[in-house]
N, C-alpha and C. Protein backbone atom coordinates (compact mmCIF):
# COMPACT_ATOMS: atom_id res chain seq x y z
N MET A 1 17.74 14.17 4.79
CA MET A 1 19.02 13.59 5.32
C MET A 1 20.11 13.78 4.36
N ILE A 2 19.89 13.56 3.05
CA ILE A 2 21.04 13.55 2.01
C ILE A 2 21.35 15.04 1.78
N ASN A 3 20.59 16.02 2.19
CA ASN A 3 20.92 17.42 2.14
C ASN A 3 21.60 17.80 3.36
N LYS A 4 22.17 16.93 4.13
CA LYS A 4 22.88 17.25 5.39
C LYS A 4 22.13 18.15 6.36
N LEU A 5 20.94 17.68 6.57
CA LEU A 5 20.07 18.44 7.57
C LEU A 5 19.55 17.45 8.66
N PRO A 6 19.39 17.95 9.83
CA PRO A 6 18.81 17.16 10.85
C PRO A 6 17.28 17.02 10.53
N VAL A 7 16.58 15.97 10.99
CA VAL A 7 15.27 15.67 10.55
C VAL A 7 14.35 15.64 11.89
N ILE A 8 13.09 16.23 11.69
CA ILE A 8 12.12 16.07 12.82
C ILE A 8 10.89 15.34 12.12
N VAL A 9 10.52 14.32 12.79
CA VAL A 9 9.32 13.57 12.30
C VAL A 9 8.57 13.22 13.49
N SER A 10 7.20 12.86 13.19
CA SER A 10 6.23 12.47 14.21
C SER A 10 6.44 10.95 14.39
N ASP A 11 6.12 10.62 15.70
CA ASP A 11 6.18 9.10 15.94
C ASP A 11 5.20 8.28 15.30
N SER A 12 4.30 8.86 14.49
CA SER A 12 3.31 8.04 13.77
C SER A 12 3.71 8.05 12.26
N CYS A 13 4.85 8.62 11.92
CA CYS A 13 5.40 8.75 10.59
C CYS A 13 6.18 7.50 10.31
N GLY A 14 5.90 6.84 9.13
CA GLY A 14 6.60 5.76 8.63
C GLY A 14 8.15 5.86 8.51
N THR A 15 8.55 7.07 8.34
CA THR A 15 10.06 7.40 7.98
C THR A 15 10.74 7.52 9.43
N LYS A 16 10.05 7.41 10.51
CA LYS A 16 10.71 7.53 11.87
C LYS A 16 11.75 6.53 12.03
N CYS A 17 11.70 5.33 11.27
CA CYS A 17 12.72 4.28 11.43
C CYS A 17 14.07 4.69 10.92
N TYR A 18 14.10 5.89 10.11
CA TYR A 18 15.34 6.42 9.64
C TYR A 18 16.11 7.31 10.60
N ILE A 19 15.40 7.74 11.62
CA ILE A 19 15.99 8.71 12.55
C ILE A 19 16.43 8.08 13.88
N GLN A 20 17.71 8.39 14.16
CA GLN A 20 18.28 8.03 15.46
C GLN A 20 18.10 9.20 16.38
N HIS A 21 17.11 9.15 17.26
CA HIS A 21 16.58 10.27 18.07
C HIS A 21 17.85 10.85 18.80
N GLY A 22 17.99 12.17 18.54
CA GLY A 22 19.07 12.87 19.25
C GLY A 22 20.43 12.78 18.52
N ILE A 23 20.53 11.93 17.52
CA ILE A 23 21.73 11.68 16.76
C ILE A 23 21.62 12.44 15.43
N ASN A 24 20.65 12.16 14.63
CA ASN A 24 20.50 12.91 13.36
C ASN A 24 19.20 13.51 13.22
N GLY A 25 18.41 13.66 14.25
CA GLY A 25 17.13 14.39 14.31
C GLY A 25 16.34 13.99 15.47
N TYR A 26 15.03 14.37 15.48
CA TYR A 26 14.21 14.09 16.66
C TYR A 26 12.91 13.57 16.23
N ILE A 27 12.34 12.76 17.03
CA ILE A 27 11.00 12.26 16.86
C ILE A 27 10.07 12.88 17.94
N PHE A 28 8.96 13.54 17.39
CA PHE A 28 8.10 14.16 18.39
C PHE A 28 6.77 13.42 18.46
N LYS A 29 6.16 13.60 19.50
CA LYS A 29 4.77 12.94 19.83
C LYS A 29 3.71 13.44 18.82
N ASN A 30 3.09 12.61 18.04
CA ASN A 30 2.10 12.92 17.08
C ASN A 30 0.96 13.80 17.80
N LYS A 31 0.59 14.80 17.10
CA LYS A 31 -0.49 15.76 17.51
C LYS A 31 -0.11 16.45 18.75
N ASN A 32 1.16 16.59 18.96
CA ASN A 32 1.63 17.33 20.30
C ASN A 32 2.47 18.44 19.81
N SER A 33 1.80 19.66 19.66
CA SER A 33 2.51 20.84 19.10
C SER A 33 3.52 21.32 20.07
N ASP A 34 3.41 21.06 21.38
CA ASP A 34 4.37 21.52 22.43
C ASP A 34 5.75 20.70 22.25
N ASP A 35 5.51 19.41 21.98
CA ASP A 35 6.65 18.50 21.71
C ASP A 35 7.38 18.86 20.49
N LEU A 36 6.58 19.15 19.44
CA LEU A 36 7.25 19.52 18.18
C LEU A 36 8.09 20.86 18.31
N GLU A 37 7.34 21.85 19.07
CA GLU A 37 8.08 23.05 19.33
C GLU A 37 9.37 22.82 19.98
N GLU A 38 9.42 21.97 21.02
CA GLU A 38 10.57 21.63 21.77
C GLU A 38 11.78 21.12 20.93
N LYS A 39 11.30 20.14 20.07
CA LYS A 39 12.27 19.61 19.12
C LYS A 39 12.89 20.64 18.05
N ILE A 40 11.99 21.51 17.67
CA ILE A 40 12.55 22.56 16.72
C ILE A 40 13.44 23.52 17.52
N LYS A 41 13.04 23.86 18.66
CA LYS A 41 14.08 24.77 19.48
C LYS A 41 15.33 23.97 19.82
N LEU A 42 15.32 22.74 20.06
CA LEU A 42 16.60 21.95 20.33
C LEU A 42 17.51 22.12 19.15
N ILE A 43 17.06 22.04 17.93
CA ILE A 43 17.83 22.17 16.70
C ILE A 43 18.29 23.58 16.44
N ILE A 44 17.41 24.50 16.49
CA ILE A 44 17.73 25.86 16.04
C ILE A 44 18.56 26.70 17.11
N ASP A 45 18.55 26.27 18.43
CA ASP A 45 19.25 26.84 19.47
C ASP A 45 20.75 26.49 19.60
N ASP A 46 21.09 25.51 18.94
CA ASP A 46 22.55 25.16 18.88
C ASP A 46 22.95 24.86 17.47
N LYS A 47 23.48 25.93 16.85
CA LYS A 47 23.91 25.73 15.47
C LYS A 47 25.01 24.72 15.26
N ASN A 48 26.04 24.60 16.17
CA ASN A 48 26.99 23.56 15.99
C ASN A 48 26.31 22.25 15.98
N ARG A 49 25.35 21.97 16.87
CA ARG A 49 24.61 20.72 16.84
C ARG A 49 23.87 20.47 15.63
N LEU A 50 23.26 21.50 15.07
CA LEU A 50 22.51 21.53 13.83
C LEU A 50 23.48 20.92 12.66
N VAL A 51 24.69 21.48 12.58
CA VAL A 51 25.60 20.99 11.52
C VAL A 51 25.99 19.56 11.73
N GLU A 52 26.34 19.32 13.04
CA GLU A 52 26.72 17.86 13.46
C GLU A 52 25.61 16.88 13.10
N MET A 53 24.44 17.13 13.47
CA MET A 53 23.32 16.25 13.19
C MET A 53 22.99 16.15 11.82
N GLY A 54 23.22 17.21 10.98
CA GLY A 54 23.05 17.17 9.56
C GLY A 54 24.10 16.30 8.84
N MET A 55 25.34 16.40 9.32
CA MET A 55 26.33 15.50 8.83
C MET A 55 26.17 14.04 9.07
N LYS A 56 25.50 13.77 10.31
CA LYS A 56 25.17 12.34 10.68
C LYS A 56 24.07 11.93 9.87
N SER A 57 23.11 12.77 9.55
CA SER A 57 22.05 12.44 8.66
C SER A 57 22.46 12.00 7.31
N TYR A 58 23.46 12.79 6.80
CA TYR A 58 24.00 12.43 5.39
C TYR A 58 24.77 11.13 5.46
N LYS A 59 25.50 10.94 6.51
CA LYS A 59 26.31 9.63 6.65
C LYS A 59 25.25 8.53 6.68
N ILE A 60 24.37 8.57 7.49
CA ILE A 60 23.35 7.53 7.62
C ILE A 60 22.58 7.31 6.29
N ALA A 61 22.19 8.32 5.53
CA ALA A 61 21.53 8.12 4.25
C ALA A 61 22.49 7.59 3.29
N LYS A 62 23.75 7.97 3.17
CA LYS A 62 24.64 7.44 2.26
C LYS A 62 25.01 6.05 2.47
N THR A 63 25.13 5.76 3.81
CA THR A 63 25.60 4.32 4.12
C THR A 63 24.44 3.35 4.03
N ASN A 64 23.23 3.81 4.31
CA ASN A 64 22.10 2.83 4.49
C ASN A 64 21.03 2.95 3.40
N HIS A 65 21.07 4.03 2.71
CA HIS A 65 19.96 4.24 1.88
C HIS A 65 20.20 4.68 0.34
N SER A 66 21.49 4.38 0.09
CA SER A 66 21.96 4.84 -1.33
C SER A 66 21.36 3.84 -2.39
N LEU A 67 21.46 4.26 -3.64
CA LEU A 67 20.96 3.34 -4.71
C LEU A 67 21.72 2.05 -4.70
N GLN A 68 22.98 2.17 -4.50
CA GLN A 68 23.83 1.06 -4.41
C GLN A 68 23.40 0.05 -3.37
N VAL A 69 23.11 0.48 -2.18
CA VAL A 69 22.71 -0.38 -1.10
C VAL A 69 21.30 -0.91 -1.42
N TYR A 70 20.45 -0.08 -1.99
CA TYR A 70 19.10 -0.53 -2.37
C TYR A 70 19.17 -1.68 -3.42
N SER A 71 20.00 -1.52 -4.33
CA SER A 71 20.27 -2.45 -5.42
C SER A 71 20.73 -3.77 -4.92
N LYS A 72 21.70 -3.65 -3.99
CA LYS A 72 22.34 -4.90 -3.45
C LYS A 72 21.29 -5.59 -2.55
N ARG A 73 20.48 -4.92 -1.85
CA ARG A 73 19.50 -5.61 -0.97
C ARG A 73 18.38 -6.25 -1.86
N MET A 74 17.94 -5.56 -2.93
CA MET A 74 17.02 -6.10 -3.76
C MET A 74 17.51 -7.31 -4.51
N LYS A 75 18.87 -7.36 -4.91
CA LYS A 75 19.55 -8.50 -5.53
C LYS A 75 19.45 -9.74 -4.60
N GLU A 76 19.81 -9.41 -3.25
CA GLU A 76 19.81 -10.47 -2.26
C GLU A 76 18.48 -11.11 -2.06
N ILE A 77 17.45 -10.21 -2.10
CA ILE A 77 15.98 -10.81 -2.04
C ILE A 77 15.74 -11.73 -3.23
N ILE A 78 16.11 -11.16 -4.37
CA ILE A 78 15.64 -12.00 -5.61
C ILE A 78 16.41 -13.17 -5.81
N ASP A 79 17.71 -13.27 -5.40
CA ASP A 79 18.49 -14.45 -5.53
C ASP A 79 18.10 -15.43 -4.50
């Protein structure tokens, strides 16, 4: 995400919570190669969408998962 790329993850992956389906990437059904293939095609068939989704990934990562955000949340937990 921080590399400005859309993300494809399985629905059984713990990192799926970082993906807004259709916004910054896609979530495919675990052990379903047809669904994975469909999601890959969705991204590579539209270069403009690929760039747009990548930028959204970057914004989400920077806004929600930066070191500063992590530090602030950890401090809130400790205090």
